[in-house]
Amino acid sequence: MKKWKDYFIPFNNEELKLFIPMVLMMFCFLFNYTIMRDTKDTLILMNAGAEAIPFIKFWGTLPCSILFLIIYAKLSNSLEPKKLFTVTLVPFFAFFLLFGFVFYPYREALEPTSLVNYLHFHLNACPESMHHTLTVLINLVKNWMYVVFYILSELWGSMGVSLLFWQFANQITSTENAKRFYPRFTQFGNLSLIFSGLFIIYFSDIREHLSSGSDPWEITLKWLMGAIAICCAIILYCYFRINKGLETQNPVEKKKSKEKPKLSLKESFFFLIRSKYLGLICILVLAYGISISLIEVVYKSQLKRQFTTENELCSFIGMVSIFTGVATFAMVTLSSHILRFTGWLRAAVLTPVLMLATGAIFFLCISFDMSILGFTSLWIGVVFGACQNILSKSCKYSLFDPTKEMAYIPLDVDSKVKGKAAIDVVGARFGKSLGGVFLQIIFLFGSVMQSLSLIFSVVALVIFVWIFAVIRLNKLYEPLVEQKAEV
């Protein structure tokens, strides 16, 4: 029994006091992210279509990410870490709770009906070639609440997991301990994808038990948003409990951490530009954002054609989340050995290689008529797209995130805080927005399905740049780790 415990949880009792609440924090961050991600996709796909996603990413998510970074950088200079963590988390808690219990139930009263009618009336005066793009934009105006939901859900992925959780983990974990802790954080934390997927499916299928006059999607949303609020409360509890334990063990170290130098937002951006090391990390994040956004828009266009109601679509996406969680758990079991026995470079390069391989298979499947054994070509495209989504995300969670976070550890405090915020919040969003810009240009001349070869060519080029950046970063990372180990 002891052997199996040491294999899955190789920590002593003192380390478990830190490990368990950290895993619970990550579990709740990812549980919320899965619910937000699946719900935002359902809301936008069913009400505005897959074509709206690139517009939201570029004109909504990217500006809001920059604004968030500005506010976060200013607050980090004036607030202590505990207050900064709380002030950052609480607005998300409030919005999603209000969305489920106030905004969505009263959505008809909050829609700008007069403005939408005015825009539709003047649509015919515009060139016919612009009608498709303008119709998408009008739908976004009409469904502004869902657009806000989408933007904040995207920010949660950057702010919650990448910034708040991993930044906190980097501050309290050494490079040596990270090799043991980080794969396990990801392994057990990503079990939340299974639980959140089951949760989504259960409450998406409750329409069978409701009376004919009820709105099943409204009831589903209330349960989903209520779960998000509860997880936010658990995150805050774990965060303060961990800090209390650290204060008790290392009061002198805590005092020293308050004396760290602070950079202004302008100085932090200049520092990011001057740092070749941070620039290479930024390329990794940008490349992932561009490639995944291009592949996902094609995949989601297949989902829109296959499903007709919010509950059906959300239930399917929940099932994809379950398989993503299972695949991630299996991948992390392997990744912990990859990190320990083969090194950082091989672990970091596996994600782009796998994304290129699975993306190529997916694009081939939807480029040709694959109807077979009674299954339609559309359904086969949806299934292969889901498989690509599952494999690429499980590899991202199990290898890309841990190796990227390990790259921050040898850096100084300001590089970790300011540089990481700029890369993870703006870099991730800017990468996906660049993919969105490319797709917006396509929409002016034709559909996504008519440009599959061009889209995949861009994906392949970006992934090759990604692999090159990983190799270059490794040449800088290893000397820093050795240098820090000697101190």
Protein backbone atom coordinates (compact mmCIF):
# COMPACT_ATOMS: atom_id res chain seq x y z
CA MET A 1 0.00 0.00 0.00
CA LYS A 2 2.82 2.37 0.87
CA LYS A 3 4.41 1.72 -2.54
CA TRP A 4 1.22 2.71 -4.39
CA LYS A 5 0.82 5.81 -2.20
CA ASP A 6 4.37 6.89 -2.94
CA TYR A 7 3.79 6.34 -6.66
CA PHE A 8 0.68 8.53 -6.93
CA ILE A 9 1.37 10.97 -4.05
CA PRO A 10 5.13 11.04 -3.36
CA PHE A 11 4.94 13.55 -0.47
CA ASN A 12 5.48 13.44 3.28
CA ASN A 13 2.82 14.51 5.78
CA GLU A 14 4.14 18.07 6.00
CA GLU A 15 4.07 18.48 2.23
CA LEU A 16 0.53 17.09 2.07
CA LYS A 17 -0.69 20.06 4.15
CA LEU A 18 0.28 22.25 1.21
CA PHE A 19 -0.44 19.79 -1.59
CA ILE A 20 -4.07 18.97 -0.74
CA PRO A 21 -5.45 22.55 -0.58
CA MET A 22 -3.45 23.48 -3.71
CA VAL A 23 -4.99 20.55 -5.61
CA LEU A 24 -8.44 21.55 -4.34
CA MET A 25 -7.83 25.11 -5.56
CA MET A 26 -6.81 23.91 -9.00
CA PHE A 27 -9.77 21.50 -9.06
CA CYS A 28 -12.18 24.37 -8.42
CA PHE A 29 -10.46 26.71 -10.90
CA LEU A 30 -10.72 24.09 -13.64
CA PHE A 31 -14.23 22.97 -12.61
CA ASN A 32 -15.38 26.56 -13.07
CA TYR A 33 -13.43 26.98 -16.30
CA THR A 34 -14.98 23.86 -17.82
CA ILE A 35 -18.50 25.01 -16.96
CA MET A 36 -17.79 28.53 -18.25
CA ARG A 37 -16.15 27.25 -21.44
CA ASP A 38 -18.92 24.79 -22.29
CA THR A 39 -21.67 27.29 -21.44
CA LYS A 40 -20.13 30.18 -23.38
CA ASP A 41 -19.74 28.01 -26.47
CA THR A 42 -23.35 26.86 -26.19
CA LEU A 43 -24.69 30.40 -25.77
CA ILE A 44 -22.75 31.87 -28.70
CA LEU A 45 -23.10 28.94 -31.10
CA MET A 46 -26.87 28.68 -30.65
CA ASN A 47 -27.57 32.43 -30.72
CA ALA A 48 -24.87 33.97 -32.95
CA GLY A 49 -23.09 31.10 -34.72
CA ALA A 50 -19.45 29.96 -34.91
CA GLU A 51 -18.63 32.90 -37.22
CA ALA A 52 -19.15 35.27 -34.29
CA ILE A 53 -16.34 33.77 -32.20
CA PRO A 54 -13.38 35.40 -34.05
CA PHE A 55 -15.08 38.82 -33.76
CA ILE A 56 -15.58 38.38 -30.01
CA LYS A 57 -11.99 37.27 -29.48
CA PHE A 58 -10.48 40.22 -31.35
CA TRP A 59 -12.91 43.08 -30.59
CA GLY A 60 -13.96 41.93 -27.12
CA THR A 61 -11.60 39.55 -25.37
CA LEU A 62 -8.32 41.17 -26.44
CA PRO A 63 -9.21 44.77 -25.37
CA CYS A 64 -10.66 43.49 -22.10
CA SER A 65 -7.50 41.45 -21.47
CA ILE A 66 -5.36 44.55 -21.92
CA LEU A 67 -7.66 46.53 -19.61
CA PHE A 68 -7.52 43.74 -17.04
CA LEU A 69 -3.71 43.72 -17.20
CA ILE A 70 -3.56 47.50 -16.64
CA ILE A 71 -5.84 47.29 -13.63
CA TYR A 72 -4.09 44.21 -12.24
CA ALA A 73 -0.62 45.77 -12.60
CA LYS A 74 -1.73 48.93 -10.80
CA LEU A 75 -3.42 46.97 -8.02
CA SER A 76 -0.35 44.74 -7.60
CA ASN A 77 1.66 47.87 -6.73
CA SER A 78 -0.81 49.05 -4.09
CA LEU A 79 -2.35 45.91 -2.58
CA GLU A 80 -0.81 43.06 -0.62
CA PRO A 81 -1.08 39.62 -2.30
CA LYS A 82 -4.08 38.45 -0.25
CA LYS A 83 -6.17 41.52 -1.08
CA LEU A 84 -5.06 41.41 -4.72
CA PHE A 85 -6.16 37.77 -4.99
CA THR A 86 -9.55 38.54 -3.43
CA VAL A 87 -10.21 41.72 -5.43
CA THR A 88 -9.40 39.86 -8.65
CA LEU A 89 -11.63 36.87 -7.90
CA VAL A 90 -14.76 38.46 -6.42
CA PRO A 91 -15.99 40.31 -9.59
CA PHE A 92 -16.10 36.99 -11.48
CA PHE A 93 -18.01 35.40 -8.60
CA ALA A 94 -20.56 38.23 -8.66
CA PHE A 95 -21.10 38.33 -12.44
CA PHE A 96 -21.69 34.62 -12.99
CA LEU A 97 -24.04 34.41 -10.03
CA LEU A 98 -26.02 37.40 -11.36
CA PHE A 99 -26.04 35.99 -14.89
CA GLY A 100 -27.74 32.78 -13.84
CA PHE A 101 -30.29 34.30 -11.47
CA VAL A 102 -30.92 37.81 -12.86
CA PHE A 103 -29.51 38.55 -16.34
CA TYR A 104 -30.65 35.44 -18.20
CA PRO A 105 -34.17 35.22 -16.65
CA TYR A 106 -34.76 38.89 -17.67
CA ARG A 107 -32.84 38.70 -20.96
CA GLU A 108 -35.75 39.92 -23.11
CA ALA A 109 -36.02 43.15 -21.11
CA LEU A 110 -32.26 43.70 -21.37
CA GLU A 111 -31.99 43.17 -25.15
CA PRO A 112 -31.47 46.39 -27.20
CA THR A 113 -34.45 45.61 -29.46
CA SER A 114 -34.82 49.12 -30.94
CA LEU A 115 -31.14 49.34 -31.84
CA VAL A 116 -31.16 45.88 -33.44
CA ASN A 117 -34.24 46.73 -35.53
CA TYR A 118 -32.60 49.99 -36.63
CA LEU A 119 -29.44 48.16 -37.72
CA HIS A 120 -31.40 45.52 -39.64
CA PHE A 121 -33.41 48.25 -41.39
CA HIS A 122 -30.24 49.92 -42.70
CA LEU A 123 -28.46 46.65 -43.56
CA ASN A 124 -29.72 46.69 -47.17
CA ALA A 125 -28.01 50.03 -47.79
CA CYS A 126 -24.61 48.36 -47.33
CA PRO A 127 -22.73 46.47 -50.07
CA GLU A 128 -24.01 42.92 -50.47
CA SER A 129 -20.54 41.49 -49.90
CA MET A 130 -20.64 42.93 -46.36
CA HIS A 131 -24.09 41.54 -45.43
CA HIS A 132 -22.77 38.33 -43.87
CA THR A 133 -20.21 40.10 -41.69
CA LEU A 134 -22.65 42.82 -40.66
CA THR A 135 -25.33 40.27 -39.81
CA VAL A 136 -22.87 38.55 -37.47
CA LEU A 137 -22.08 41.88 -35.79
CA ILE A 138 -25.79 42.72 -35.39
CA ASN A 139 -26.34 39.34 -33.74
CA LEU A 140 -23.54 40.16 -31.30
CA VAL A 141 -25.20 43.46 -30.42
CA LYS A 142 -28.49 41.65 -29.86
CA ASN A 143 -26.86 39.03 -27.65
CA TRP A 144 -24.54 41.39 -25.76
CA MET A 145 -25.07 39.52 -22.47
CA TYR A 146 -23.75 36.33 -24.00
CA VAL A 147 -20.80 38.25 -25.43
CA VAL A 148 -19.92 39.57 -21.94
CA PHE A 149 -20.30 36.04 -20.58
CA TYR A 150 -17.94 34.74 -23.29
CA ILE A 151 -15.32 37.44 -22.61
CA LEU A 152 -15.29 36.91 -18.85
CA SER A 153 -15.14 33.13 -19.30
CA GLU A 154 -12.09 33.57 -21.55
CA LEU A 155 -10.50 35.88 -18.97
CA TRP A 156 -11.12 33.29 -16.25
CA GLY A 157 -9.00 30.81 -18.21
CA SER A 158 -6.10 33.28 -18.22
CA MET A 159 -6.73 35.03 -14.92
CA GLY A 160 -7.83 32.05 -12.87
CA VAL A 161 -5.67 29.11 -13.86
CA SER A 162 -2.68 30.77 -15.55
CA LEU A 163 -2.32 33.89 -13.41
CA LEU A 164 -3.79 33.45 -9.92
CA PHE A 165 -3.20 29.74 -9.39
CA TRP A 166 0.14 29.23 -11.13
CA GLN A 167 1.57 32.54 -9.95
CA PHE A 168 0.75 31.55 -6.37
CA ALA A 169 2.23 28.08 -6.97
CA ASN A 170 5.42 29.59 -8.41
CA GLN A 171 5.82 31.81 -5.34
CA ILE A 172 5.64 28.97 -2.84
CA THR A 173 7.34 26.14 -4.79
CA SER A 174 11.02 25.57 -5.52
CA THR A 175 12.26 24.28 -8.90
CA GLU A 176 13.14 20.91 -7.40
CA ASN A 177 9.76 20.47 -5.72
CA ALA A 178 7.97 21.64 -8.89
CA LYS A 179 9.11 18.48 -10.68
CA ARG A 180 7.11 16.46 -8.15
CA PHE A 181 4.30 18.90 -7.34
CA TYR A 182 3.32 20.35 -10.71
CA PRO A 183 2.47 17.14 -12.59
CA ARG A 184 0.39 16.03 -9.58
CA PHE A 185 -1.39 19.41 -9.41
CA THR A 186 -2.38 18.93 -13.03
CA GLN A 187 -3.18 15.24 -12.65
CA PHE A 188 -5.58 15.54 -9.72
CA GLY A 189 -6.80 19.04 -10.58
CA ASN A 190 -7.88 17.92 -14.04
CA LEU A 191 -10.15 15.28 -12.53
CA SER A 192 -12.47 18.29 -12.31
CA LEU A 193 -13.10 17.95 -16.04
CA ILE A 194 -14.72 14.58 -15.40
CA PHE A 195 -16.85 15.86 -12.53
CA SER A 196 -17.80 19.09 -14.29
CA GLY A 197 -18.65 17.14 -17.45
CA LEU A 198 -20.94 14.81 -15.49
CA PHE A 199 -22.46 17.84 -13.73
CA ILE A 200 -23.13 19.58 -17.05
CA ILE A 201 -24.68 16.48 -18.65
CA TYR A 202 -26.94 15.81 -15.66
CA PHE A 203 -28.35 19.32 -15.50
CA SER A 204 -28.53 19.65 -19.28
CA ASP A 205 -30.76 16.58 -19.47
CA ILE A 206 -33.22 17.68 -16.76
CA ARG A 207 -35.69 18.83 -19.44
CA GLU A 208 -37.16 15.31 -19.38
CA HIS A 209 -38.29 15.84 -15.76
CA LEU A 210 -39.75 19.35 -16.16
CA SER A 211 -43.28 20.48 -16.89
CA SER A 212 -44.08 21.69 -20.42
CA GLY A 213 -44.18 25.36 -19.41
CA SER A 214 -40.68 25.45 -17.91
CA ASP A 215 -37.55 26.74 -19.62
CA PRO A 216 -35.04 23.86 -19.22
CA TRP A 217 -32.04 25.95 -20.28
CA GLU A 218 -32.80 28.63 -17.67
CA ILE A 219 -32.97 26.03 -14.91
CA THR A 220 -29.74 24.42 -16.21
CA LEU A 221 -27.99 27.80 -16.10
CA LYS A 222 -29.03 28.43 -12.51
CA TRP A 223 -27.46 25.16 -11.40
CA LEU A 224 -24.30 25.76 -13.40
CA MET A 225 -23.83 29.34 -12.18
CA GLY A 226 -24.57 28.31 -8.59
CA ALA A 227 -21.81 25.69 -8.80
CA ILE A 228 -19.37 28.35 -10.06
CA ALA A 229 -20.16 30.56 -7.06
CA ILE A 230 -19.58 27.71 -4.59
CA CYS A 231 -16.22 26.85 -6.19
CA CYS A 232 -15.12 30.50 -5.96
CA ALA A 233 -15.82 30.41 -2.22
CA ILE A 234 -13.78 27.19 -1.86
CA ILE A 235 -10.87 28.76 -3.77
CA LEU A 236 -10.76 31.72 -1.40
CA TYR A 237 -10.92 29.44 1.66
CA CYS A 238 -8.02 27.28 0.42
CA TYR A 239 -5.93 30.32 -0.51
CA PHE A 240 -6.21 31.91 2.93
CA ARG A 241 -5.67 28.58 4.68
CA ILE A 242 -2.41 27.99 2.76
CA ASN A 243 -1.20 31.53 3.51
CA LYS A 244 -1.97 31.11 7.19
CA GLY A 245 0.12 27.94 7.27
CA LEU A 246 3.03 29.61 5.46
CA GLU A 247 2.92 32.61 7.82
CA THR A 248 3.16 30.26 10.80
CA GLN A 249 6.10 28.32 9.35
CA ASN A 250 8.09 31.20 7.77
CA PRO A 251 7.28 34.56 9.43
CA VAL A 252 10.70 36.04 8.57
CA GLU A 253 10.46 35.01 4.92
CA LYS A 254 7.03 36.60 4.68
CA LYS A 255 8.41 39.87 5.96
CA LYS A 256 11.18 39.84 3.36
CA SER A 257 8.72 39.20 0.52
CA LYS A 258 6.99 42.50 1.26
CA GLU A 259 10.22 44.36 0.55
CA LYS A 260 10.38 43.30 -3.12
CA PRO A 261 10.91 46.10 -5.64
CA LYS A 262 7.90 47.23 -7.67
CA LEU A 263 7.77 48.18 -11.32
CA SER A 264 5.25 50.46 -12.98
CA LEU A 265 3.14 49.07 -15.82
CA LYS A 266 5.25 50.92 -18.40
CA GLU A 267 8.47 49.60 -16.89
CA SER A 268 7.11 46.06 -16.76
CA PHE A 269 6.24 46.14 -20.47
CA PHE A 270 9.71 47.45 -21.34
CA PHE A 271 11.21 44.72 -19.18
CA LEU A 272 9.13 42.13 -21.04
CA ILE A 273 10.29 43.48 -24.43
CA ARG A 274 13.96 43.50 -23.38
CA SER A 275 13.86 39.96 -22.00
CA LYS A 276 14.62 37.35 -24.66
CA TYR A 277 13.66 34.65 -22.17
CA LEU A 278 10.17 36.05 -21.54
CA GLY A 279 9.82 36.77 -25.25
CA LEU A 280 10.28 33.09 -26.05
CA ILE A 281 7.70 32.09 -23.42
CA CYS A 282 5.36 34.62 -25.03
CA ILE A 283 5.88 32.95 -28.43
CA LEU A 284 4.83 29.61 -26.93
CA VAL A 285 1.63 31.14 -25.58
CA LEU A 286 0.90 33.05 -28.79
CA ALA A 287 1.48 29.98 -30.95
CA TYR A 288 -0.84 27.84 -28.84
CA GLY A 289 -3.53 30.54 -28.93
CA ILE A 290 -3.36 31.00 -32.71
CA SER A 291 -3.34 27.30 -33.59
CA ILE A 292 -6.09 26.25 -31.17
CA SER A 293 -8.38 29.14 -32.16
CA LEU A 294 -8.14 28.28 -35.87
CA ILE A 295 -8.83 24.59 -35.31
CA GLU A 296 -11.64 25.18 -32.79
CA VAL A 297 -13.65 27.56 -34.98
CA VAL A 298 -13.76 24.89 -37.72
CA TYR A 299 -14.75 22.26 -35.13
CA LYS A 300 -17.44 24.46 -33.58
CA SER A 301 -18.94 25.20 -36.98
CA GLN A 302 -19.56 21.45 -37.23
CA LEU A 303 -21.23 21.45 -33.80
CA LYS A 304 -23.57 24.29 -34.81
CA ARG A 305 -24.77 22.30 -37.83
CA GLN A 306 -25.25 19.08 -35.85
CA PHE A 307 -27.23 20.25 -32.77
CA THR A 308 -30.46 22.27 -32.61
CA THR A 309 -31.01 23.14 -28.90
CA GLU A 310 -28.85 24.56 -26.10
CA ASN A 311 -29.39 21.55 -23.85
CA GLU A 312 -28.40 19.03 -26.55
CA LEU A 313 -25.27 20.96 -27.46
CA CYS A 314 -24.25 21.58 -23.84
CA SER A 315 -24.76 17.89 -23.02
CA PHE A 316 -22.46 16.83 -25.89
CA ILE A 317 -19.80 19.39 -24.90
CA GLY A 318 -20.05 18.09 -21.33
CA MET A 319 -19.35 14.58 -22.60
CA VAL A 320 -16.27 15.91 -24.43
CA SER A 321 -15.13 17.47 -21.14
CA ILE A 322 -15.42 14.10 -19.38
CA PHE A 323 -13.22 12.37 -21.96
CA THR A 324 -10.81 15.31 -21.80
CA GLY A 325 -10.52 14.80 -18.05
CA VAL A 326 -9.90 11.05 -18.42
CA ALA A 327 -7.31 11.62 -21.16
CA THR A 328 -5.61 14.35 -19.12
CA PHE A 329 -5.37 12.11 -16.05
CA ALA A 330 -3.73 9.40 -18.16
CA MET A 331 -1.42 11.90 -19.90
CA VAL A 332 -0.30 13.44 -16.60
CA THR A 333 0.60 10.00 -15.28
CA LEU A 334 2.96 9.72 -18.25
CA SER A 335 4.08 13.36 -18.18
CA SER A 336 5.40 13.13 -14.62
CA HIS A 337 7.81 10.43 -15.80
CA ILE A 338 8.66 12.38 -18.96
CA LEU A 339 9.61 15.45 -16.89
CA ARG A 340 11.65 13.46 -14.39
CA PHE A 341 13.50 11.12 -16.77
CA THR A 342 13.67 12.83 -20.17
CA GLY A 343 13.87 16.50 -19.17
CA TRP A 344 12.06 19.76 -19.84
CA LEU A 345 12.74 19.97 -23.59
CA ARG A 346 11.13 16.69 -24.63
CA ALA A 347 8.13 17.35 -22.41
CA ALA A 348 7.63 20.88 -23.79
CA VAL A 349 7.90 19.88 -27.46
CA LEU A 350 5.28 17.09 -27.29
CA THR A 351 2.30 19.47 -27.20
CA PRO A 352 2.93 21.19 -30.57
CA VAL A 353 3.83 17.86 -32.21
CA LEU A 354 0.59 16.23 -31.02
CA MET A 355 -1.50 19.25 -32.04
CA LEU A 356 -0.03 19.17 -35.54
CA ALA A 357 -0.72 15.44 -35.94
CA THR A 358 -4.30 15.48 -34.60
CA GLY A 359 -5.11 18.68 -36.48
CA ALA A 360 -3.98 17.14 -39.77
CA ILE A 361 -6.23 14.11 -39.22
CA PHE A 362 -9.24 16.30 -38.35
CA PHE A 363 -8.85 18.52 -41.41
CA LEU A 364 -8.54 15.48 -43.67
CA CYS A 365 -11.74 14.02 -42.22
CA ILE A 366 -13.87 17.10 -42.88
CA SER A 367 -12.32 17.82 -46.28
CA PHE A 368 -13.74 14.63 -47.82
CA ASP A 369 -17.08 12.83 -47.67
CA MET A 370 -16.54 10.26 -44.93
CA SER A 371 -20.10 8.86 -44.67
CA ILE A 372 -19.79 5.23 -43.58
CA LEU A 373 -21.72 2.55 -41.65
CA GLY A 374 -24.84 4.71 -41.55
CA PHE A 375 -23.10 7.73 -39.97
CA THR A 376 -23.35 11.04 -41.78
CA SER A 377 -20.24 12.91 -42.88
CA LEU A 378 -21.23 15.75 -40.55
CA TRP A 379 -21.43 13.47 -37.51
CA ILE A 380 -18.06 11.85 -38.32
CA GLY A 381 -16.55 15.36 -38.58
CA VAL A 382 -18.01 16.23 -35.17
CA VAL A 383 -16.60 13.04 -33.59
CA PHE A 384 -13.11 13.47 -35.08
CA GLY A 385 -13.16 17.14 -34.09
CA ALA A 386 -14.05 16.14 -30.54
CA CYS A 387 -11.19 13.61 -30.50
CA GLN A 388 -8.74 16.28 -31.70
CA ASN A 389 -10.06 18.66 -29.05
CA ILE A 390 -9.70 16.05 -26.30
CA LEU A 391 -6.16 14.98 -27.22
CA SER A 392 -4.76 18.48 -27.80
CA LYS A 393 -6.26 19.89 -24.58
CA SER A 394 -5.21 16.93 -22.46
CA CYS A 395 -1.67 17.38 -23.77
CA LYS A 396 -1.87 21.11 -23.06
CA TYR A 397 -3.03 20.58 -19.48
CA SER A 398 -0.57 17.78 -18.74
CA LEU A 399 2.55 19.04 -20.56
CA PHE A 400 2.24 22.57 -21.95
CA ASP A 401 1.01 24.26 -18.75
CA PRO A 402 3.42 22.55 -16.31
CA THR A 403 6.50 23.06 -18.53
CA LYS A 404 5.55 26.69 -19.21
CA GLU A 405 5.09 27.36 -15.50
CA MET A 406 8.39 25.67 -14.66
CA ALA A 407 10.09 28.11 -17.04
CA TYR A 408 9.07 31.01 -14.76
CA ILE A 409 10.53 29.56 -11.56
CA PRO A 410 14.22 30.53 -12.09
CA LEU A 411 13.23 34.18 -12.75
CA ASP A 412 13.21 37.04 -10.26
CA VAL A 413 10.04 38.19 -8.48
CA ASP A 414 9.10 41.01 -10.87
CA SER A 415 9.54 38.81 -13.93
CA LYS A 416 7.26 36.22 -12.38
CA VAL A 417 4.53 38.69 -11.42
CA LYS A 418 4.54 41.44 -14.07
CA GLY A 419 6.01 39.47 -16.97
CA LYS A 420 3.78 36.48 -16.31
CA ALA A 421 0.67 38.66 -16.14
CA ALA A 422 1.51 40.28 -19.49
CA ILE A 423 2.21 36.92 -21.16
CA ASP A 424 -0.61 34.84 -19.73
CA VAL A 425 -3.40 37.39 -19.84
CA VAL A 426 -2.62 39.48 -22.92
CA GLY A 427 -0.37 36.99 -24.73
CA ALA A 428 -2.90 34.17 -24.60
CA ARG A 429 -5.75 36.40 -25.68
CA PHE A 430 -3.70 38.13 -28.38
CA GLY A 431 -2.73 34.77 -29.82
CA LYS A 432 -6.34 33.70 -30.15
CA SER A 433 -7.24 37.15 -31.49
CA LEU A 434 -4.65 36.84 -34.26
CA GLY A 435 -6.34 33.63 -35.30
CA GLY A 436 -9.63 35.54 -35.17
CA VAL A 437 -8.29 38.29 -37.45
CA PHE A 438 -7.27 35.70 -40.02
CA LEU A 439 -10.75 34.13 -39.93
CA GLN A 440 -12.46 37.53 -40.19
CA ILE A 441 -10.55 38.15 -43.44
CA ILE A 442 -11.73 34.78 -44.74
CA PHE A 443 -15.36 35.66 -43.96
CA LEU A 444 -15.10 38.63 -46.35
CA PHE A 445 -14.38 36.30 -49.29
CA GLY A 446 -15.91 32.95 -48.40
CA SER A 447 -16.80 30.43 -45.71
CA VAL A 448 -14.45 28.60 -43.39
CA MET A 449 -15.15 25.28 -45.08
CA GLN A 450 -14.03 26.68 -48.43
CA SER A 451 -10.63 27.65 -46.99
CA LEU A 452 -9.64 24.55 -45.05
CA SER A 453 -6.31 24.06 -46.84
CA LEU A 454 -5.30 27.67 -46.20
CA ILE A 455 -6.32 27.49 -42.52
CA PHE A 456 -4.33 24.31 -41.93
CA SER A 457 -1.29 25.76 -43.72
CA VAL A 458 -1.28 28.65 -41.23
CA VAL A 459 -1.72 26.21 -38.33
CA ALA A 460 1.26 24.14 -39.50
CA LEU A 461 3.48 27.22 -39.94
CA VAL A 462 2.63 28.52 -36.46
CA ILE A 463 3.36 25.14 -34.87
CA PHE A 464 6.78 24.92 -36.54
CA VAL A 465 7.63 28.36 -35.09
CA TRP A 466 6.39 27.08 -31.72
CA ILE A 467 8.75 24.08 -31.83
CA PHE A 468 11.70 26.32 -32.75
CA ALA A 469 10.91 28.64 -29.79
CA VAL A 470 10.82 25.67 -27.38
CA ILE A 471 14.29 24.58 -28.49
CA ARG A 472 15.68 28.12 -28.10
CA LEU A 473 14.05 28.58 -24.68
CA ASN A 474 15.56 25.34 -23.41
CA LYS A 475 19.05 26.69 -24.10
CA LEU A 476 18.33 29.59 -21.71
CA TYR A 477 16.29 27.65 -19.16
CA GLU A 478 18.82 24.98 -18.21
CA PRO A 479 21.67 27.42 -17.30
CA LEU A 480 19.25 29.46 -15.13
CA VAL A 481 18.15 26.37 -13.24
CA GLU A 482 21.77 25.32 -12.64
CA GLN A 483 22.67 28.83 -11.53
CA LYS A 484 19.80 28.98 -9.05
CA ALA A 485 20.68 25.55 -7.70
CA GLU A 486 24.21 26.76 -6.88
CA VAL A 487 22.97 29.76 -4.87
